[in-house]
Protein backbone atom coordinates (compact mmCIF):
# COMPACT_ATOMS: atom_id res chain seq x y z
CA MET A 1 -44.67 -110.05 -185.87
CA TYR A 2 -47.35 -109.55 -183.36
CA PHE A 3 -49.40 -106.45 -183.81
CA GLY A 4 -49.20 -103.73 -186.42
CA ASN A 5 -48.07 -100.57 -188.01
CA VAL A 6 -49.67 -97.20 -188.20
CA ARG A 7 -52.99 -98.26 -189.63
CA HIS A 8 -55.16 -97.44 -192.59
CA SER A 9 -58.82 -98.41 -192.46
CA VAL A 10 -59.62 -100.81 -195.27
CA LYS A 11 -63.19 -100.11 -196.61
CA PHE A 12 -64.73 -101.45 -199.76
CA VAL A 13 -67.62 -100.61 -202.12
CA SER A 14 -70.41 -103.11 -201.48
CA THR A 15 -71.33 -103.38 -204.97
CA ALA A 16 -67.87 -104.06 -206.20
CA LEU A 17 -67.61 -106.82 -203.65
CA SER A 18 -70.86 -108.53 -204.89
CA VAL A 19 -69.45 -108.41 -208.49
CA LEU A 20 -66.17 -109.88 -207.41
CA PHE A 21 -67.80 -112.54 -205.47
CA SER A 22 -70.33 -113.72 -208.01
CA LEU A 23 -67.55 -113.89 -210.53
CA ALA A 24 -64.61 -115.32 -208.67
CA PHE A 25 -65.80 -117.32 -205.77
CA ILE A 26 -66.32 -121.05 -206.40
CA THR A 27 -69.79 -122.16 -205.32
CA SER A 28 -70.27 -125.56 -206.88
CA VAL A 29 -71.39 -128.22 -204.64
CA GLN A 30 -68.26 -130.25 -205.53
CA ALA A 31 -65.88 -127.54 -204.21
CA LYS A 32 -63.94 -127.96 -200.92
CA THR A 33 -64.54 -125.05 -198.68
CA LEU A 34 -62.62 -124.43 -195.47
CA VAL A 35 -63.88 -121.89 -192.97
CA TYR A 36 -61.34 -120.46 -190.50
CA CYS A 37 -62.75 -118.46 -187.44
CA SER A 38 -60.20 -115.80 -187.16
CA GLU A 39 -59.83 -113.49 -184.04
CA ALA A 40 -59.39 -110.07 -185.67
CA SER A 41 -59.94 -108.06 -188.81
CA PRO A 42 -57.00 -107.32 -191.06
CA GLU A 43 -55.62 -103.73 -191.09
CA GLY A 44 -55.00 -103.92 -194.81
CA PHE A 45 -53.71 -106.30 -197.50
CA ASP A 46 -50.40 -104.84 -198.18
CA PRO A 47 -48.32 -106.99 -195.87
CA ALA A 48 -45.31 -104.66 -195.69
CA LEU A 49 -47.31 -101.77 -194.04
CA TYR A 50 -48.25 -103.98 -190.85
CA SER A 51 -46.88 -106.30 -188.34
CA ALA A 52 -49.94 -108.05 -186.77
CA ASN A 53 -50.02 -111.96 -187.34
CA SER A 54 -53.77 -111.46 -187.81
CA THR A 55 -53.22 -109.23 -190.79
CA TRP A 56 -50.39 -111.32 -192.20
CA ASP A 57 -52.82 -114.36 -191.86
CA ALA A 58 -55.10 -112.65 -194.26
CA SER A 59 -52.58 -111.06 -196.65
CA SER A 60 -49.11 -112.35 -196.98
CA LYS A 61 -49.76 -115.98 -196.10
CA PRO A 62 -52.54 -116.69 -198.60
CA VAL A 63 -51.96 -114.05 -201.28
CA TYR A 64 -48.14 -113.50 -201.48
CA ASN A 65 -44.76 -115.17 -201.53
CA ARG A 66 -41.33 -114.15 -200.78
CA LEU A 67 -37.83 -114.71 -202.23
CA VAL A 68 -37.24 -117.27 -199.52
CA GLU A 69 -39.74 -118.93 -197.20
CA PHE A 70 -39.90 -120.82 -193.86
CA ARG A 71 -40.58 -124.44 -194.31
CA ASN A 72 -44.15 -124.90 -192.88
CA GLY A 73 -43.95 -125.60 -189.21
CA THR A 74 -40.28 -124.64 -188.89
CA THR A 75 -37.79 -121.71 -188.89
CA THR A 76 -35.78 -123.48 -191.68
CA VAL A 77 -35.29 -121.04 -194.69
CA ILE A 78 -36.05 -122.68 -197.99
CA PRO A 79 -36.38 -121.43 -201.59
CA GLY A 80 -39.38 -119.42 -202.36
CA LEU A 81 -39.74 -117.14 -205.45
CA ALA A 82 -36.04 -117.52 -205.59
CA GLU A 83 -35.15 -121.08 -206.56
CA SER A 84 -31.55 -120.58 -205.52
CA TRP A 85 -29.15 -117.91 -204.36
CA THR A 86 -25.39 -117.40 -203.85
CA ILE A 87 -23.56 -115.27 -201.24
CA SER A 88 -20.12 -113.40 -201.85
CA GLU A 89 -17.18 -114.38 -199.87
CA ASP A 90 -17.32 -111.08 -197.90
CA HIS A 91 -21.07 -111.97 -197.14
CA LEU A 92 -22.13 -108.45 -198.56
CA THR A 93 -23.70 -109.60 -201.86
CA TYR A 94 -26.66 -111.92 -202.23
CA THR A 95 -27.58 -112.89 -205.71
CA PHE A 96 -31.12 -114.48 -206.13
CA LYS A 97 -32.13 -116.50 -209.22
CA LEU A 98 -35.91 -116.27 -209.66
CA ARG A 99 -38.24 -119.01 -210.69
CA SER A 100 -39.52 -118.81 -214.21
CA ASN A 101 -43.09 -118.82 -215.15
CA VAL A 102 -44.52 -117.56 -211.89
CA LYS A 103 -47.85 -115.92 -212.55
CA PHE A 104 -49.60 -113.15 -210.64
CA HIS A 105 -53.33 -113.44 -210.02
CA THR A 106 -55.71 -112.51 -212.69
CA THR A 107 -58.90 -110.76 -211.27
CA GLU A 108 -61.72 -108.51 -212.36
CA TYR A 109 -59.52 -105.54 -211.37
CA PHE A 110 -56.23 -106.66 -212.75
CA THR A 111 -54.95 -108.81 -215.60
CA PRO A 112 -51.21 -109.11 -215.73
CA SER A 113 -49.40 -108.98 -219.04
CA ARG A 114 -46.33 -110.78 -217.93
CA ASN A 115 -45.07 -113.25 -215.30
CA LEU A 116 -43.07 -112.35 -212.15
CA ASN A 117 -39.77 -110.83 -212.87
CA ALA A 118 -36.91 -108.90 -211.12
CA ASP A 119 -38.71 -105.65 -211.50
CA ASP A 120 -41.23 -106.80 -209.01
CA VAL A 121 -38.64 -107.84 -206.49
CA VAL A 122 -36.80 -104.61 -206.84
CA PHE A 123 -40.02 -102.51 -206.47
CA SER A 124 -41.31 -104.57 -203.54
CA LEU A 125 -38.25 -103.93 -201.40
CA LYS A 126 -37.03 -100.61 -202.50
CA ARG A 127 -40.39 -99.01 -201.80
CA GLN A 128 -39.77 -99.59 -198.13
CA LEU A 129 -36.35 -98.09 -198.14
CA ASP A 130 -36.44 -95.13 -200.75
CA LYS A 131 -38.31 -92.07 -199.30
CA ASN A 132 -38.35 -90.56 -202.74
CA GLU A 133 -40.22 -93.54 -204.15
CA PRO A 134 -44.01 -92.60 -204.76
CA TRP A 135 -45.08 -95.81 -203.11
CA HIS A 136 -43.05 -95.14 -200.01
CA ASP A 137 -45.91 -93.04 -198.36
CA TYR A 138 -48.97 -93.94 -200.38
CA ILE A 139 -50.77 -94.68 -197.13
CA GLN A 140 -50.71 -91.69 -194.71
CA GLY A 141 -48.70 -92.39 -191.53
CA VAL A 142 -46.97 -95.50 -192.68
CA THR A 143 -43.62 -96.20 -190.89
CA TRP A 144 -42.80 -99.54 -192.77
CA ASP A 145 -42.61 -101.01 -189.36
CA MET A 146 -40.89 -104.27 -189.89
CA SER A 147 -38.28 -103.14 -192.45
CA SER A 148 -37.31 -100.33 -190.16
CA GLY A 149 -37.38 -102.31 -187.03
CA MET A 150 -35.30 -104.97 -188.56
CA GLY A 151 -32.64 -102.40 -189.56
CA PHE A 152 -33.08 -102.75 -193.32
CA THR A 153 -32.82 -99.11 -193.96
CA GLU A 154 -29.23 -99.10 -192.67
CA LEU A 155 -28.40 -102.63 -193.87
CA ILE A 156 -29.35 -102.50 -197.53
CA LYS A 157 -26.84 -100.59 -199.74
CA ASP A 158 -28.53 -101.45 -202.93
CA ILE A 159 -31.08 -103.72 -204.65
CA SER A 160 -30.63 -104.10 -208.40
CA LYS A 161 -31.96 -106.17 -211.38
CA VAL A 162 -29.20 -108.19 -213.08
CA ASP A 163 -31.63 -109.62 -215.73
CA ASP A 164 -35.31 -110.48 -215.70
CA LEU A 165 -34.77 -113.48 -213.45
CA THR A 166 -31.83 -112.38 -211.29
CA VAL A 167 -31.72 -109.88 -208.38
CA LYS A 168 -28.72 -108.72 -206.49
CA ILE A 169 -28.86 -107.36 -202.97
CA VAL A 170 -25.84 -105.60 -201.62
CA LEU A 171 -25.38 -105.05 -197.82
CA THR A 172 -23.65 -102.36 -196.08
CA ALA A 173 -22.26 -104.90 -193.43
CA PRO A 174 -22.44 -108.63 -193.02
CA SER A 175 -25.85 -109.70 -191.47
CA ALA A 176 -26.43 -113.14 -190.01
CA PRO A 177 -30.22 -112.96 -190.07
CA VAL A 178 -30.63 -111.45 -193.50
CA LEU A 179 -32.03 -114.62 -195.25
CA ALA A 180 -34.36 -115.26 -192.38
CA ASN A 181 -35.43 -111.63 -192.30
CA LEU A 182 -36.20 -111.89 -196.23
CA ALA A 183 -38.59 -114.81 -195.38
CA MET A 184 -40.73 -112.52 -193.17
CA ASP A 185 -44.06 -111.09 -194.22
CA PHE A 186 -42.85 -107.59 -194.80
CA ALA A 187 -40.68 -108.84 -197.65
CA SER A 188 -43.62 -110.19 -199.59
CA ILE A 189 -43.25 -109.66 -203.27
CA VAL A 190 -45.89 -107.58 -204.90
CA SER A 191 -46.71 -106.73 -208.65
CA LYS A 192 -44.98 -103.65 -209.94
CA GLU A 193 -47.21 -103.73 -213.04
CA TYR A 194 -50.38 -103.53 -210.87
CA ALA A 195 -48.87 -100.77 -208.90
CA ASP A 196 -48.09 -98.81 -211.97
CA GLN A 197 -51.68 -99.28 -213.25
CA LEU A 198 -53.16 -98.02 -210.02
CA ARG A 199 -50.80 -94.97 -209.93
CA ALA A 200 -51.75 -94.04 -213.52
CA GLU A 201 -55.40 -94.34 -212.61
CA ALA A 202 -54.95 -92.33 -209.28
CA LYS A 203 -56.14 -95.23 -207.30
CA MET A 204 -53.05 -95.96 -205.26
CA SER A 205 -55.07 -96.90 -201.99
CA GLN A 206 -56.49 -99.78 -203.87
CA PHE A 207 -53.15 -101.48 -203.62
CA ASN A 208 -53.91 -102.08 -199.91
CA GLU A 209 -57.52 -103.07 -200.45
CA LEU A 210 -57.56 -105.34 -203.45
CA PRO A 211 -54.39 -107.42 -203.40
CA ILE A 212 -52.57 -109.12 -206.23
CA GLY A 213 -49.98 -111.70 -205.46
CA THR A 214 -48.41 -115.00 -206.63
CA GLY A 215 -49.55 -116.92 -203.49
CA PRO A 216 -51.63 -120.10 -203.21
CA PHE A 217 -54.92 -118.35 -202.81
CA GLN A 218 -56.53 -115.43 -204.76
CA PHE A 219 -58.37 -112.69 -202.96
CA VAL A 220 -62.05 -112.42 -203.73
CA ASN A 221 -63.62 -109.96 -201.32
CA TYR A 222 -63.61 -108.55 -197.88
CA GLN A 223 -66.72 -107.48 -195.91
CA PRO A 224 -65.21 -105.43 -193.25
CA ASP A 225 -65.22 -106.99 -189.82
CA ALA A 226 -67.15 -110.03 -190.94
CA THR A 227 -65.71 -112.24 -193.80
CA ILE A 228 -62.66 -112.57 -196.21
CA ARG A 229 -63.02 -114.93 -199.08
CA TYR A 230 -60.42 -116.48 -201.29
CA ILE A 231 -60.28 -119.09 -204.12
CA ALA A 232 -57.42 -121.50 -204.74
CA ASN A 233 -54.90 -120.37 -207.20
CA SER A 234 -55.01 -123.03 -209.87
CA ASP A 235 -51.84 -121.60 -211.64
CA TYR A 236 -49.93 -121.62 -208.35
CA TRP A 237 -46.19 -122.36 -208.96
CA GLY A 238 -46.29 -124.59 -205.92
CA GLY A 239 -49.30 -126.60 -207.00
CA LYS A 240 -52.98 -125.75 -206.45
CA PRO A 241 -53.98 -126.10 -202.81
CA PRO A 242 -56.23 -129.09 -201.95
CA ILE A 243 -59.18 -126.83 -200.99
CA ASP A 244 -61.09 -124.71 -203.40
CA ASN A 245 -62.47 -121.95 -201.26
CA LEU A 246 -60.99 -120.38 -198.06
CA ILE A 247 -63.10 -118.27 -195.82
CA PHE A 248 -61.98 -116.18 -192.83
CA SER A 249 -64.99 -115.68 -190.49
CA ILE A 250 -63.86 -112.80 -188.27
CA THR A 251 -65.05 -113.62 -184.76
CA LEU A 252 -63.63 -111.46 -182.09
CA ASP A 253 -65.17 -113.27 -179.11
CA GLN A 254 -63.39 -116.54 -177.97
CA SER A 255 -66.56 -118.23 -176.81
CA THR A 256 -68.27 -117.52 -180.05
CA ARG A 257 -65.38 -118.87 -182.17
CA LEU A 258 -65.70 -122.02 -179.98
CA GLN A 259 -69.39 -122.31 -180.39
CA LYS A 260 -68.97 -121.96 -184.27
CA LEU A 261 -66.27 -124.67 -184.26
CA ARG A 262 -68.47 -127.14 -182.35
CA ALA A 263 -71.46 -126.25 -184.45
CA GLY A 264 -69.49 -127.03 -187.76
CA GLU A 265 -69.74 -123.39 -188.84
CA CYS A 266 -66.01 -123.20 -189.10
CA GLN A 267 -63.53 -126.08 -189.25
CA ILE A 268 -60.54 -124.29 -187.45
CA ALA A 269 -60.76 -121.62 -184.83
CA SER A 270 -58.00 -119.47 -183.40
CA TYR A 271 -56.83 -118.94 -179.86
CA PRO A 272 -59.33 -120.64 -177.55
CA ALA A 273 -59.57 -119.59 -173.89
CA PRO A 274 -57.25 -121.73 -171.79
CA ALA A 275 -60.11 -122.77 -169.62
CA ASP A 276 -61.73 -124.37 -172.57
CA VAL A 277 -58.84 -126.54 -173.86
CA GLU A 278 -59.58 -129.60 -171.86
CA MET A 279 -63.21 -129.56 -172.92
CA LEU A 280 -61.99 -129.28 -176.54
CA LYS A 281 -59.59 -132.19 -176.19
CA ALA A 282 -62.52 -134.27 -174.88
CA ASP A 283 -64.70 -133.54 -177.99
CA LYS A 284 -64.52 -136.63 -180.20
CA ASP A 285 -65.19 -134.42 -183.34
CA LEU A 286 -62.22 -132.24 -182.81
CA THR A 287 -58.44 -132.49 -183.02
CA VAL A 288 -56.42 -130.11 -180.74
CA LEU A 289 -52.80 -129.36 -181.64
CA GLU A 290 -50.52 -127.63 -179.19
CA GLU A 291 -46.95 -126.60 -178.64
CA PRO A 292 -44.77 -124.01 -176.78
CA GLY A 293 -45.02 -120.63 -178.59
CA LEU A 294 -42.01 -118.50 -179.41
CA ASN A 295 -43.85 -115.70 -177.90
CA VAL A 296 -43.94 -113.03 -175.11
CA ALA A 297 -46.48 -110.60 -173.57
CA TYR A 298 -45.42 -107.49 -171.80
CA LEU A 299 -46.41 -104.15 -170.37
CA ALA A 300 -44.60 -101.36 -172.13
CA TYR A 301 -44.00 -98.07 -170.32
CA ASN A 302 -43.65 -94.79 -172.24
CA THR A 303 -40.19 -93.95 -171.13
CA LEU A 304 -40.52 -90.45 -172.90
CA VAL A 305 -43.27 -89.44 -170.33
CA SER A 306 -42.61 -88.66 -166.71
CA PRO A 307 -42.32 -90.31 -164.29
CA PHE A 308 -41.71 -93.44 -166.53
CA ASP A 309 -38.56 -91.76 -167.81
CA LYS A 310 -37.01 -92.75 -164.50
CA VAL A 311 -35.50 -96.25 -164.39
CA GLU A 312 -36.17 -96.65 -160.73
CA VAL A 313 -39.90 -95.96 -161.14
CA ARG A 314 -40.14 -98.58 -163.88
CA GLN A 315 -38.20 -101.13 -161.61
CA ALA A 316 -40.51 -100.31 -158.82
CA LEU A 317 -43.59 -100.86 -160.86
CA ASN A 318 -42.26 -104.18 -162.16
CA MET A 319 -41.74 -105.27 -158.52
CA ALA A 320 -45.33 -104.55 -157.83
CA ILE A 321 -46.74 -106.92 -160.49
CA ASN A 322 -47.67 -110.32 -159.25
CA LYS A 323 -46.87 -112.14 -162.48
CA LYS A 324 -47.32 -115.64 -161.23
CA ALA A 325 -50.99 -114.72 -160.07
CA ILE A 326 -51.58 -113.31 -163.68
CA VAL A 327 -50.31 -116.38 -165.44
CA ASP A 328 -52.31 -118.74 -163.04
CA ALA A 329 -55.44 -116.74 -163.71
CA ILE A 330 -55.19 -116.24 -167.45
CA PHE A 331 -53.50 -119.24 -168.63
CA GLN A 332 -54.53 -122.08 -166.27
CA GLY A 333 -51.51 -124.09 -166.94
CA MET A 334 -51.11 -123.05 -170.53
CA GLY A 335 -48.29 -120.51 -170.03
CA GLN A 336 -45.32 -119.58 -167.77
CA VAL A 337 -43.98 -116.45 -166.15
CA ALA A 338 -41.71 -114.46 -168.48
CA LYS A 339 -38.49 -112.89 -167.01
CA ASN A 340 -37.00 -111.99 -170.40
CA PRO A 341 -38.48 -110.58 -173.64
CA LEU A 342 -37.02 -113.66 -175.47
CA PRO A 343 -38.94 -116.94 -175.08
CA PRO A 344 -36.95 -119.81 -173.60
CA ALA A 345 -37.05 -121.79 -176.84
CA VAL A 346 -35.09 -119.05 -178.69
CA TRP A 347 -31.32 -119.55 -178.85
CA GLY A 348 -29.48 -116.81 -176.88
CA TYR A 349 -32.03 -116.98 -174.09
CA ASN A 350 -30.43 -115.86 -170.79
CA ASP A 351 -31.69 -118.27 -168.16
CA ALA A 352 -29.24 -116.93 -165.58
CA ILE A 353 -31.24 -113.70 -165.24
CA LYS A 354 -33.08 -113.29 -162.00
CA ASP A 355 -36.53 -112.04 -162.43
CA ASP A 356 -38.08 -109.01 -160.60
CA VAL A 357 -39.02 -110.17 -157.13
CA TYR A 358 -42.64 -109.59 -156.26
CA ASP A 359 -42.29 -107.14 -153.35
CA PRO A 360 -45.10 -104.49 -153.16
CA VAL A 361 -43.70 -103.03 -149.87
CA GLN A 362 -40.28 -102.35 -151.27
CA ALA A 363 -41.79 -101.11 -154.52
CA LYS A 364 -43.84 -98.53 -152.67
CA LEU A 365 -40.77 -97.42 -150.76
CA ILE A 366 -38.74 -96.96 -154.05
CA LEU A 367 -41.70 -94.92 -155.61
CA GLN A 368 -41.71 -92.67 -152.45
CA LYS A 369 -37.88 -92.24 -152.63
CA ALA A 370 -38.32 -91.24 -156.29
CA GLY A 371 -40.78 -88.57 -155.40
CA VAL A 372 -43.70 -90.35 -157.00
CA LYS A 373 -46.88 -89.71 -155.00
CA ASN A 374 -50.46 -90.16 -155.91
CA LEU A 375 -49.64 -91.40 -159.37
CA ALA A 376 -52.44 -91.97 -161.69
CA MET A 377 -51.81 -93.81 -164.91
CA LYS A 378 -53.49 -95.65 -167.66
CA VAL A 379 -52.99 -99.30 -168.60
CA TRP A 380 -54.06 -100.25 -172.09
CA ALA A 381 -55.90 -103.62 -172.66
CA MET A 382 -55.89 -105.14 -176.16
CA PRO A 383 -59.39 -105.60 -177.48
CA VAL A 384 -58.50 -109.04 -179.08
CA SER A 385 -57.00 -112.27 -177.91
CA ARG A 386 -53.52 -113.14 -178.97
CA PRO A 387 -51.51 -116.31 -178.50
CA TYR A 388 -49.37 -114.64 -175.81
CA MET A 389 -52.24 -112.88 -174.21
CA PRO A 390 -55.74 -114.40 -174.40
CA ASN A 391 -57.42 -111.92 -172.02
CA ALA A 392 -55.71 -108.59 -171.76
CA ARG A 393 -58.72 -106.97 -170.04
CA ARG A 394 -58.44 -109.38 -167.03
CA THR A 395 -54.69 -108.90 -167.03
CA ALA A 396 -55.12 -105.24 -166.85
CA GLU A 397 -57.51 -105.62 -163.91
CA LEU A 398 -55.01 -107.70 -162.00
CA ILE A 399 -52.17 -105.19 -162.72
CA GLN A 400 -54.68 -102.39 -161.64
CA ALA A 401 -55.08 -104.18 -158.25
CA ASP A 402 -51.35 -104.78 -157.86
CA PHE A 403 -50.59 -101.16 -158.47
CA ALA A 404 -53.19 -100.02 -156.08
CA GLN A 405 -51.23 -101.83 -153.36
CA VAL A 406 -48.39 -99.37 -153.98
CA GLY A 407 -50.45 -96.22 -154.16
CA VAL A 408 -50.84 -96.06 -157.92
CA SER A 409 -54.35 -95.77 -159.34
CA VAL A 410 -55.01 -97.17 -162.87
CA GLU A 411 -57.58 -96.44 -165.43
CA ILE A 412 -57.89 -99.36 -167.80
CA VAL A 413 -58.63 -98.21 -171.56
CA SER A 414 -58.94 -99.94 -174.84
CA TYR A 415 -59.67 -99.19 -178.53
CA GLU A 416 -60.49 -101.11 -181.72
CA TRP A 417 -57.51 -103.19 -182.73
CA GLY A 418 -56.25 -101.18 -185.42
CA GLU A 419 -56.75 -97.87 -183.59
CA TYR A 420 -55.07 -99.39 -180.39
CA LEU A 421 -51.97 -100.01 -182.31
CA LYS A 422 -51.91 -96.74 -184.04
CA LYS A 423 -52.53 -94.78 -180.79
CA ALA A 424 -49.95 -96.87 -178.92
CA ARG A 425 -47.15 -95.71 -181.27
CA ASP A 426 -47.72 -92.05 -180.27
CA ARG A 427 -44.52 -90.80 -178.61
CA ASN A 428 -46.72 -88.71 -176.23
CA ARG A 429 -48.94 -91.81 -175.39
CA ASP A 430 -50.51 -91.53 -171.98
CA GLY A 431 -50.20 -94.93 -170.30
CA ALA A 432 -48.62 -98.36 -170.37
CA VAL A 433 -49.80 -100.77 -173.07
CA ILE A 434 -50.16 -104.42 -172.86
CA LEU A 435 -48.86 -106.03 -176.05
CA GLY A 436 -46.43 -108.68 -177.06
CA GLY A 437 -45.10 -110.74 -180.04
CA THR A 438 -44.17 -113.94 -181.54
CA SER A 439 -40.81 -114.48 -183.22
CA ASP A 440 -40.98 -114.05 -186.93
CA ASN A 441 -37.90 -116.12 -187.85
CA GLY A 442 -36.50 -117.66 -184.59
CA ASP A 443 -33.43 -115.36 -184.51
CA PRO A 444 -32.96 -113.41 -181.22
CA ASP A 445 -32.48 -110.13 -183.22
CA ASN A 446 -36.03 -110.43 -184.53
CA LEU A 447 -37.71 -109.71 -181.14
CA LEU A 448 -34.94 -107.64 -179.39
CA SER A 449 -34.24 -105.30 -182.31
CA TYR A 450 -37.81 -105.11 -183.20
CA PHE A 451 -38.97 -104.10 -179.56
CA PHE A 452 -35.92 -102.04 -178.37
CA SER A 453 -33.83 -100.68 -181.28
CA CYS A 454 -33.55 -96.95 -181.47
CA SER A 455 -34.76 -96.94 -185.09
CA SER A 456 -37.99 -98.58 -183.80
CA VAL A 457 -38.95 -95.73 -181.59
CA GLY A 458 -42.45 -94.41 -182.62
CA GLY A 459 -43.03 -97.80 -184.27
CA SER A 460 -42.62 -101.26 -182.93
CA ASN A 461 -40.52 -99.98 -179.84
CA PHE A 462 -43.72 -99.30 -177.74
CA SER A 463 -41.69 -98.21 -174.76
CA ASN A 464 -40.11 -95.53 -176.96
CA TRP A 465 -36.80 -96.50 -175.20
CA CYS A 466 -33.67 -95.73 -177.05
CA TYR A 467 -30.60 -96.90 -175.05
CA GLN A 468 -27.42 -96.46 -177.05
CA PRO A 469 -25.38 -99.05 -175.30
CA LEU A 470 -27.99 -101.67 -176.19
CA ASP A 471 -28.46 -100.39 -179.69
CA THR A 472 -24.73 -100.71 -180.36
CA LEU A 473 -24.70 -104.20 -178.96
CA LEU A 474 -27.62 -105.37 -181.19
CA GLN A 475 -25.94 -103.83 -184.31
CA MET A 476 -22.70 -105.70 -183.46
CA ALA A 477 -24.62 -109.00 -182.97
CA ARG A 478 -26.08 -108.75 -186.42
CA THR A 479 -22.78 -108.62 -188.17
CA LEU A 480 -21.26 -111.77 -186.48
CA SER A 481 -21.47 -115.06 -188.31
CA ASP A 482 -20.62 -117.31 -185.33
CA GLN A 483 -23.94 -118.19 -183.39
CA ASP A 484 -22.22 -118.74 -180.08
CA GLU A 485 -20.55 -115.19 -180.20
CA ARG A 486 -23.97 -113.66 -181.21
CA ALA A 487 -25.56 -115.61 -178.26
CA LYS A 488 -23.27 -113.99 -175.82
CA LEU A 489 -24.16 -110.53 -177.01
CA TYR A 490 -27.89 -111.19 -176.77
CA GLU A 491 -27.44 -112.63 -173.30
CA LYS A 492 -25.84 -109.29 -172.43
CA ALA A 493 -28.68 -107.48 -174.12
CA GLN A 494 -31.23 -109.19 -171.87
CA VAL A 495 -29.19 -108.14 -168.71
CA ILE A 496 -29.40 -104.53 -170.00
CA ILE A 497 -33.08 -104.70 -170.67
CA LYS A 498 -33.84 -106.34 -167.25
CA GLU A 499 -31.86 -103.55 -165.41
CA GLN A 500 -33.33 -100.64 -167.44
CA ALA A 501 -36.96 -102.05 -167.32
CA PRO A 502 -38.57 -100.33 -170.21
CA ILE A 503 -41.10 -103.11 -170.15
CA ALA A 504 -42.54 -105.69 -167.59
CA SER A 505 -42.27 -109.02 -169.36
CA ILE A 506 -45.37 -111.02 -168.33
CA ASP A 507 -45.67 -114.45 -169.89
CA HIS A 508 -44.88 -116.97 -172.60
CA SER A 509 -47.73 -119.30 -173.66
CA MET A 510 -48.55 -122.50 -175.22
CA VAL A 511 -50.02 -122.28 -178.80
CA VAL A 512 -53.33 -124.20 -179.10
CA MET A 513 -55.25 -124.86 -182.39
CA PRO A 514 -58.49 -126.74 -182.32
CA MET A 515 -59.98 -127.99 -185.54
CA SER A 516 -62.51 -130.47 -186.95
CA LYS A 517 -61.28 -134.09 -187.34
CA LYS A 518 -62.20 -133.58 -191.07
CA VAL A 519 -59.25 -131.33 -191.50
CA SER A 520 -55.82 -132.79 -192.53
CA GLY A 521 -52.55 -131.20 -193.33
CA TYR A 522 -52.69 -128.22 -190.93
CA VAL A 523 -49.33 -127.66 -189.28
CA LEU A 524 -48.77 -125.48 -186.19
CA ASP A 525 -46.38 -122.50 -187.09
CA PRO A 526 -43.83 -121.75 -184.24
CA LEU A 527 -43.81 -118.25 -185.69
CA GLY A 528 -47.40 -117.65 -184.89
CA SER A 529 -48.99 -117.61 -188.32
CA HIS A 530 -51.74 -119.65 -189.89
CA ARG A 531 -51.24 -121.18 -193.28
CA PHE A 532 -53.78 -123.01 -195.41
CA ASP A 533 -51.91 -123.97 -198.65
CA GLY A 534 -51.35 -127.58 -197.66
CA VAL A 535 -54.65 -128.11 -195.75
CA ASP A 536 -57.45 -130.43 -196.94
CA ILE A 537 -60.81 -131.18 -195.61
CA ALA A 538 -62.82 -134.36 -195.99
CA GLU A 539 -66.33 -134.06 -197.43
């Protein structure tokens, strides 16, 4: 989705990397190489463990596939590793027919003895649900963020192998978004044979460091915080990608990414500063794609910690934030003020809701009435730019100034991206965090349940807010098949969230992707990810 799970540092032995690179990376002068200037380091390469798009860009998108996929550039579900599926009349049983002759990657560290089969699918999904499965907790602190946040633990009754190319998934209740959820990155299909090999060798952590998948690109090596290299999978079931080499050049600084793009050091660069967009559009050597993003940025209070456990305190702080000033300063015409956690382009958006009125005088009075005096708090600023928040530090500074007007002093803190996400999940966290997300499947449940369900407390529910009336409503909405009826429940959910104020919704942004005119076939993803399987580059 947007950020991540409890993190595990990914470190590699440099000598092993050199061997892998020399053996696997295509270096011939005839090879087509695409360099992507990415904005953050991956937290790992097992996509089920994490929920940051920057991590999924480096893992699930190039290396793995899922039973079903989203058609590139849309939220339409299409066949993936499952070439077809059937749904029982009671909508409880989904039977997937797998493609035949799908090959796993062959590398220096793993040579598969068989093609993809049902054992891989069952293993990939069950390890997230079964606490007795040895691979359930192979990385310390893992919470299986997405599968738990999407309610899979309660939803899935059974996953079974019918035969080598048939898998049956039985639900506890009908679930309208289940297919779209299975197209999400956490449901990537991994190799059970590779997992068995690593467990036998007592090298289970390698599963998250040296990935094996069925995807369009094969992992070569990772130089931490610097470079990730891939080669095209010549045996890819969907056809070999047009490019031969794919390189992620990890570049945290926005201006440096821009410089590299204009100098030709990379051909695509993520998340430019809004102030630079017009200059990029004027560059004759560049193409700039843009569209409204299905995203939101917010400030999440820790509702388990006083005084943020009081709804009136949260409401008052929300009234103290001048969101228009933030959006004007940060986005310069490339964003809009958010009144809901759902972006307007997602069905079920409740446009009738009235946003918090910016009224610092009234906010100060409410805080005083609540007995809050001389409040000192922390506001956490993300160290990386995201599509929904290109400059969290500046946003935190503006919030700091707003809160000072109502007698609240703010200390701004930040951490390395993976550590930021890990610490932000602490139920005893000191401070309100700036975060956000992009819808992973276009269904309202994706963002609302992920951010606010009780099962996500301590995980993706960064406000640690468990409110049973909302949780019951969200669970009910998942079981309905009629979209209009579901939309009514999500509209009610947004009313509850606005009234209870576990977060301050800040903005929705445009998504902008600048690239060299030599690049063709790149499609903006409304779900916030970056895919390169259909991309080509002119020599």
